Amino acid sequence: MYEHRREQLIPFGAFVRRIVHHLGIALAVVLGSLCIGMLGYVHFERMSWLDGFLNAAMLLSGMGPVELPQTSGGKLFAGFYALYSGVVFLVASGLMLAPVAHRLLHKFHLEGEGAEGDDAREDTDS
């Protein structure tokens, strides 16, 4: 999926497509996680779908629940969903930053490799 360190950088248009692809995957992960949270709140806390959405979205975004769970099952679900949401945040952030970080590191590697090659040619000329 990514170019090897000895390959040239992909064209900017292909890079933008790569970013959009990664954003799509991150969005799918977040939306899937939001659905899991909504289902959990509706099932364990007998909330409406709208209240389940609100609580799941707030936990997924790191803000915390709007309504505190009242049942034991709801409390367990909310705790595990909060832990899961932290991991989803890290995964989604990594997915969105990976193409940019790869391109920067790849560009620095290519520039560094070119500079070393110039130095090596200067040493052989003398």
N, C-alpha and C. Protein backbone atom coordinates (compact mmCIF):
# COMPACT_ATOMS: atom_id res chain seq x y z
N MET A 1 0.82 -1.18 0.00
CA MET A 1 0.00 0.00 0.00
C MET A 1 0.87 1.26 0.00
N TYR A 2 1.94 1.25 0.76
CA TYR A 2 2.86 2.39 0.78
C TYR A 2 4.07 2.06 -0.07
N GLU A 3 4.67 3.11 -0.62
CA GLU A 3 5.85 2.91 -1.45
C GLU A 3 7.05 2.54 -0.58
N HIS A 4 7.93 1.75 -1.14
CA HIS A 4 9.14 1.31 -0.46
C HIS A 4 10.08 2.51 -0.32
N ARG A 5 10.99 2.43 0.62
CA ARG A 5 11.88 3.57 0.88
C ARG A 5 12.75 3.93 -0.31
N ARG A 6 13.00 3.01 -1.21
CA ARG A 6 13.84 3.31 -2.37
C ARG A 6 13.03 3.81 -3.56
N GLU A 7 11.70 3.76 -3.45
CA GLU A 7 10.84 4.26 -4.52
C GLU A 7 10.62 5.75 -4.35
N GLN A 8 10.26 6.40 -5.44
CA GLN A 8 9.97 7.83 -5.40
C GLN A 8 8.64 8.08 -4.70
N LEU A 9 8.44 9.32 -4.26
CA LEU A 9 7.15 9.70 -3.67
C LEU A 9 6.05 9.56 -4.71
N ILE A 10 4.89 9.16 -4.27
CA ILE A 10 3.76 9.07 -5.19
C ILE A 10 3.33 10.49 -5.55
N PRO A 11 2.69 10.66 -6.70
CA PRO A 11 2.22 12.00 -7.09
C PRO A 11 1.22 12.55 -6.07
N PHE A 12 1.09 13.87 -6.04
CA PHE A 12 0.23 14.51 -5.04
C PHE A 12 -1.22 14.04 -5.14
N GLY A 13 -1.72 13.84 -6.34
CA GLY A 13 -3.10 13.37 -6.52
C GLY A 13 -3.31 12.00 -5.88
N ALA A 14 -2.35 11.10 -6.06
CA ALA A 14 -2.43 9.78 -5.44
C ALA A 14 -2.33 9.89 -3.92
N PHE A 15 -1.54 10.84 -3.45
CA PHE A 15 -1.42 11.07 -2.00
C PHE A 15 -2.75 11.55 -1.42
N VAL A 16 -3.42 12.44 -2.11
CA VAL A 16 -4.73 12.92 -1.66
C VAL A 16 -5.73 11.76 -1.63
N ARG A 17 -5.71 10.92 -2.67
CA ARG A 17 -6.59 9.73 -2.68
C ARG A 17 -6.28 8.81 -1.50
N ARG A 18 -5.01 8.67 -1.17
CA ARG A 18 -4.62 7.84 -0.02
C ARG A 18 -5.18 8.43 1.28
N ILE A 19 -5.10 9.75 1.43
CA ILE A 19 -5.64 10.40 2.63
C ILE A 19 -7.15 10.18 2.70
N VAL A 20 -7.84 10.38 1.59
CA VAL A 20 -9.30 10.19 1.57
C VAL A 20 -9.64 8.74 1.92
N HIS A 21 -8.88 7.79 1.41
CA HIS A 21 -9.10 6.38 1.73
C HIS A 21 -8.95 6.13 3.23
N HIS A 22 -7.90 6.66 3.81
CA HIS A 22 -7.67 6.50 5.25
C HIS A 22 -8.76 7.18 6.07
N LEU A 23 -9.18 8.36 5.64
CA LEU A 23 -10.27 9.05 6.33
C LEU A 23 -11.56 8.24 6.28
N GLY A 24 -11.80 7.60 5.13
CA GLY A 24 -12.98 6.74 5.00
C GLY A 24 -12.95 5.56 5.96
N ILE A 25 -11.79 4.95 6.09
CA ILE A 25 -11.65 3.83 7.03
C ILE A 25 -11.86 4.31 8.46
N ALA A 26 -11.26 5.45 8.81
CA ALA A 26 -11.42 6.00 10.16
C ALA A 26 -12.88 6.34 10.43
N LEU A 27 -13.56 6.90 9.45
CA LEU A 27 -14.98 7.22 9.61
C LEU A 27 -15.81 5.96 9.80
N ALA A 28 -15.49 4.91 9.06
CA ALA A 28 -16.21 3.64 9.22
C ALA A 28 -15.99 3.06 10.62
N VAL A 29 -14.78 3.15 11.13
CA VAL A 29 -14.49 2.65 12.48
C VAL A 29 -15.27 3.45 13.52
N VAL A 30 -15.30 4.77 13.37
CA VAL A 30 -16.02 5.62 14.32
C VAL A 30 -17.52 5.37 14.24
N LEU A 31 -18.07 5.30 13.03
CA LEU A 31 -19.50 5.05 12.89
C LEU A 31 -19.90 3.67 13.41
N GLY A 32 -19.07 2.66 13.14
CA GLY A 32 -19.33 1.33 13.69
C GLY A 32 -19.30 1.34 15.21
N SER A 33 -18.36 2.06 15.77
CA SER A 33 -18.25 2.16 17.22
C SER A 33 -19.44 2.92 17.81
N LEU A 34 -19.89 3.92 17.10
CA LEU A 34 -21.07 4.67 17.54
C LEU A 34 -22.30 3.76 17.57
N CYS A 35 -22.44 2.92 16.55
CA CYS A 35 -23.57 1.97 16.51
C CYS A 35 -23.49 0.98 17.67
N ILE A 36 -22.30 0.50 17.96
CA ILE A 36 -22.12 -0.42 19.10
C ILE A 36 -22.56 0.26 20.40
N GLY A 37 -22.14 1.51 20.59
CA GLY A 37 -22.51 2.25 21.78
C GLY A 37 -24.00 2.48 21.88
N MET A 38 -24.62 2.85 20.76
CA MET A 38 -26.07 3.06 20.77
C MET A 38 -26.81 1.78 21.12
N LEU A 39 -26.39 0.67 20.51
CA LEU A 39 -27.03 -0.62 20.81
C LEU A 39 -26.89 -0.97 22.28
N GLY A 40 -25.72 -0.74 22.82
CA GLY A 40 -25.47 -1.05 24.23
C GLY A 40 -26.34 -0.23 25.17
N TYR A 41 -26.43 1.06 24.91
CA TYR A 41 -27.26 1.91 25.77
C TYR A 41 -28.74 1.58 25.63
N VAL A 42 -29.18 1.30 24.42
CA VAL A 42 -30.59 0.94 24.23
C VAL A 42 -30.90 -0.38 24.92
N HIS A 43 -29.99 -1.35 24.81
CA HIS A 43 -30.23 -2.67 25.39
C HIS A 43 -30.10 -2.65 26.92
N PHE A 44 -28.98 -2.15 27.43
CA PHE A 44 -28.71 -2.26 28.86
C PHE A 44 -29.43 -1.20 29.70
N GLU A 45 -29.60 -0.01 29.17
CA GLU A 45 -30.20 1.08 29.95
C GLU A 45 -31.62 1.41 29.50
N ARG A 46 -32.11 0.72 28.50
CA ARG A 46 -33.46 0.96 27.98
C ARG A 46 -33.66 2.43 27.59
N MET A 47 -32.60 3.04 27.04
CA MET A 47 -32.69 4.43 26.58
C MET A 47 -33.34 4.46 25.21
N SER A 48 -33.83 5.63 24.83
CA SER A 48 -34.31 5.81 23.46
C SER A 48 -33.09 5.82 22.54
N TRP A 49 -33.32 5.65 21.24
CA TRP A 49 -32.21 5.66 20.30
C TRP A 49 -31.50 7.00 20.30
N LEU A 50 -32.24 8.07 20.47
CA LEU A 50 -31.65 9.40 20.49
C LEU A 50 -30.77 9.59 21.72
N ASP A 51 -31.26 9.15 22.89
CA ASP A 51 -30.45 9.24 24.11
C ASP A 51 -29.24 8.32 24.04
N GLY A 52 -29.43 7.14 23.43
CA GLY A 52 -28.30 6.22 23.24
C GLY A 52 -27.24 6.83 22.34
N PHE A 53 -27.69 7.50 21.27
CA PHE A 53 -26.75 8.18 20.37
C PHE A 53 -25.98 9.26 21.13
N LEU A 54 -26.70 10.06 21.90
CA LEU A 54 -26.06 11.16 22.63
C LEU A 54 -25.00 10.64 23.60
N ASN A 55 -25.35 9.63 24.39
CA ASN A 55 -24.40 9.09 25.36
C ASN A 55 -23.21 8.42 24.66
N ALA A 56 -23.48 7.65 23.62
CA ALA A 56 -22.39 6.97 22.90
C ALA A 56 -21.47 7.99 22.23
N ALA A 57 -22.05 9.02 21.62
CA ALA A 57 -21.23 10.03 20.96
C ALA A 57 -20.39 10.80 21.96
N MET A 58 -20.95 11.12 23.10
CA MET A 58 -20.21 11.85 24.12
C MET A 58 -19.06 11.01 24.68
N LEU A 59 -19.31 9.72 24.90
CA LEU A 59 -18.23 8.85 25.38
C LEU A 59 -17.17 8.66 24.31
N LEU A 60 -17.60 8.47 23.08
CA LEU A 60 -16.67 8.24 21.97
C LEU A 60 -15.79 9.46 21.72
N SER A 61 -16.33 10.64 21.98
CA SER A 61 -15.55 11.86 21.76
C SER A 61 -14.68 12.23 22.96
N GLY A 62 -14.83 11.50 24.06
CA GLY A 62 -14.02 11.75 25.23
C GLY A 62 -14.64 12.73 26.21
N MET A 63 -15.87 13.12 25.99
CA MET A 63 -16.53 14.09 26.86
C MET A 63 -17.16 13.45 28.10
N GLY A 64 -17.48 12.18 28.02
CA GLY A 64 -18.13 11.50 29.14
C GLY A 64 -19.62 11.37 28.92
N PRO A 65 -20.27 10.51 29.67
CA PRO A 65 -21.69 10.27 29.45
C PRO A 65 -22.54 11.45 29.90
N VAL A 66 -23.71 11.60 29.27
CA VAL A 66 -24.65 12.64 29.66
C VAL A 66 -25.46 12.15 30.85
N GLU A 67 -25.96 10.93 30.75
CA GLU A 67 -26.74 10.32 31.83
C GLU A 67 -25.93 9.16 32.42
N LEU A 68 -25.83 9.12 33.71
CA LEU A 68 -25.10 8.03 34.35
C LEU A 68 -25.95 6.76 34.30
N PRO A 69 -25.32 5.62 34.03
CA PRO A 69 -26.07 4.36 33.97
C PRO A 69 -26.68 4.02 35.34
N GLN A 70 -27.85 3.39 35.30
CA GLN A 70 -28.57 3.04 36.52
C GLN A 70 -28.50 1.54 36.82
N THR A 71 -28.32 0.71 35.80
CA THR A 71 -28.32 -0.75 36.01
C THR A 71 -26.88 -1.25 36.09
N SER A 72 -26.72 -2.41 36.68
CA SER A 72 -25.37 -3.02 36.76
C SER A 72 -24.84 -3.31 35.37
N GLY A 73 -25.68 -3.85 34.51
CA GLY A 73 -25.26 -4.13 33.13
C GLY A 73 -24.88 -2.86 32.39
N GLY A 74 -25.65 -1.81 32.62
CA GLY A 74 -25.35 -0.53 31.98
C GLY A 74 -24.05 0.07 32.46
N LYS A 75 -23.78 -0.09 33.75
CA LYS A 75 -22.53 0.42 34.29
C LYS A 75 -21.33 -0.34 33.73
N LEU A 76 -21.46 -1.67 33.65
CA LEU A 76 -20.37 -2.47 33.06
C LEU A 76 -20.18 -2.10 31.59
N PHE A 77 -21.30 -1.99 30.87
CA PHE A 77 -21.19 -1.63 29.46
C PHE A 77 -20.53 -0.26 29.30
N ALA A 78 -20.97 0.73 30.06
CA ALA A 78 -20.42 2.08 29.94
C ALA A 78 -18.92 2.10 30.26
N GLY A 79 -18.51 1.32 31.26
CA GLY A 79 -17.08 1.26 31.59
C GLY A 79 -16.26 0.65 30.47
N PHE A 80 -16.72 -0.49 29.95
CA PHE A 80 -15.98 -1.13 28.86
C PHE A 80 -16.04 -0.30 27.58
N TYR A 81 -17.18 0.33 27.33
CA TYR A 81 -17.30 1.17 26.14
C TYR A 81 -16.39 2.39 26.25
N ALA A 82 -16.23 2.94 27.44
CA ALA A 82 -15.32 4.06 27.62
C ALA A 82 -13.87 3.65 27.33
N LEU A 83 -13.48 2.47 27.82
CA LEU A 83 -12.12 1.96 27.52
C LEU A 83 -11.95 1.72 26.03
N TYR A 84 -12.95 1.10 25.43
CA TYR A 84 -12.94 0.84 23.99
C TYR A 84 -12.86 2.15 23.20
N SER A 85 -13.61 3.16 23.65
CA SER A 85 -13.63 4.44 22.96
C SER A 85 -12.25 5.10 22.94
N GLY A 86 -11.50 4.94 24.01
CA GLY A 86 -10.14 5.48 24.04
C GLY A 86 -9.25 4.84 22.99
N VAL A 87 -9.41 3.54 22.82
CA VAL A 87 -8.64 2.83 21.80
C VAL A 87 -9.08 3.26 20.40
N VAL A 88 -10.38 3.42 20.21
CA VAL A 88 -10.90 3.86 18.91
C VAL A 88 -10.35 5.24 18.57
N PHE A 89 -10.28 6.12 19.55
CA PHE A 89 -9.72 7.45 19.32
C PHE A 89 -8.28 7.35 18.82
N LEU A 90 -7.48 6.51 19.46
CA LEU A 90 -6.09 6.35 19.04
C LEU A 90 -5.97 5.73 17.65
N VAL A 91 -6.79 4.73 17.38
CA VAL A 91 -6.76 4.06 16.07
C VAL A 91 -7.17 5.04 14.98
N ALA A 92 -8.27 5.77 15.19
CA ALA A 92 -8.73 6.72 14.18
C ALA A 92 -7.70 7.83 13.95
N SER A 93 -7.08 8.31 15.02
CA SER A 93 -6.04 9.34 14.88
C SER A 93 -4.86 8.79 14.08
N GLY A 94 -4.46 7.58 14.40
CA GLY A 94 -3.36 6.96 13.67
C GLY A 94 -3.67 6.75 12.20
N LEU A 95 -4.89 6.33 11.91
CA LEU A 95 -5.30 6.14 10.52
C LEU A 95 -5.25 7.45 9.74
N MET A 96 -5.65 8.54 10.37
CA MET A 96 -5.68 9.82 9.67
C MET A 96 -4.28 10.43 9.53
N LEU A 97 -3.40 10.16 10.48
CA LEU A 97 -2.07 10.75 10.44
C LEU A 97 -1.04 9.90 9.69
N ALA A 98 -1.32 8.63 9.50
CA ALA A 98 -0.34 7.72 8.90
C ALA A 98 0.12 8.16 7.51
N PRO A 99 -0.77 8.53 6.59
CA PRO A 99 -0.27 8.92 5.27
C PRO A 99 0.63 10.16 5.30
N VAL A 100 0.28 11.14 6.13
CA VAL A 100 1.07 12.36 6.22
C VAL A 100 2.43 12.06 6.84
N ALA A 101 2.44 11.29 7.93
CA ALA A 101 3.71 10.94 8.58
C ALA A 101 4.59 10.12 7.63
N HIS A 102 3.99 9.19 6.90
CA HIS A 102 4.76 8.37 5.97
C HIS A 102 5.37 9.23 4.87
N ARG A 103 4.59 10.15 4.33
CA ARG A 103 5.10 11.00 3.25
C ARG A 103 6.25 11.87 3.75
N LEU A 104 6.09 12.46 4.94
CA LEU A 104 7.17 13.29 5.48
C LEU A 104 8.45 12.49 5.71
N LEU A 105 8.30 11.34 6.36
CA LEU A 105 9.48 10.51 6.61
C LEU A 105 10.10 10.01 5.31
N HIS A 106 9.26 9.65 4.35
CA HIS A 106 9.77 9.17 3.06
C HIS A 106 10.51 10.29 2.34
N LYS A 107 9.97 11.49 2.40
CA LYS A 107 10.63 12.62 1.75
C LYS A 107 11.97 12.93 2.41
N PHE A 108 12.02 12.92 3.73
CA PHE A 108 13.28 13.16 4.43
C PHE A 108 14.29 12.06 4.11
N HIS A 109 13.82 10.82 4.00
CA HIS A 109 14.72 9.72 3.68
C HIS A 109 15.31 9.89 2.29
N LEU A 110 14.46 10.27 1.32
CA LEU A 110 14.95 10.46 -0.04
C LEU A 110 15.93 11.62 -0.12
N GLU A 111 15.65 12.71 0.60
CA GLU A 111 16.57 13.85 0.61
C GLU A 111 17.89 13.48 1.26
N GLY A 112 17.84 12.73 2.36
CA GLY A 112 19.05 12.29 3.04
C GLY A 112 19.87 11.34 2.20
N GLU A 113 19.19 10.47 1.46
CA GLU A 113 19.88 9.51 0.59
C GLU A 113 20.57 10.23 -0.56
N GLY A 114 19.93 11.28 -1.09
CA GLY A 114 20.53 12.06 -2.17
C GLY A 114 21.76 12.81 -1.69
N ALA A 115 21.72 13.33 -0.48
CA ALA A 115 22.86 14.07 0.07
C ALA A 115 24.04 13.14 0.31
N GLU A 116 23.75 11.91 0.80
CA GLU A 116 24.84 10.95 1.03
C GLU A 116 25.47 10.54 -0.29
N GLY A 117 24.65 10.39 -1.32
CA GLY A 117 25.18 10.00 -2.63
C GLY A 117 26.08 11.07 -3.19
N ASP A 118 25.75 12.36 -2.98
CA ASP A 118 26.59 13.45 -3.45
C ASP A 118 27.92 13.45 -2.75
N ASP A 119 27.92 13.20 -1.43
CA ASP A 119 29.17 13.17 -0.67
C ASP A 119 30.05 12.02 -1.14
N ALA A 120 29.45 10.90 -1.43
CA ALA A 120 30.23 9.72 -1.86
C ALA A 120 30.89 10.01 -3.20
N ARG A 121 30.20 10.71 -4.09
CA ARG A 121 30.79 11.02 -5.41
C ARG A 121 31.93 12.01 -5.26
N GLU A 122 31.83 12.95 -4.33
CA GLU A 122 32.90 13.91 -4.12
C GLU A 122 34.15 13.23 -3.59
N ASP A 123 33.97 12.21 -2.71
CA ASP A 123 35.12 11.51 -2.16
C ASP A 123 35.85 10.72 -3.23
N THR A 124 35.13 10.15 -4.19
CA THR A 124 35.79 9.34 -5.21
C THR A 124 36.48 10.20 -6.26
N ASP A 125 36.07 11.46 -6.42
CA ASP A 125 36.68 12.33 -7.40
C ASP A 125 38.07 12.80 -6.98
N SER A 126 38.36 12.88 -5.70
CA SER A 126 39.64 13.43 -5.27
C SER A 126 40.73 12.42 -5.19
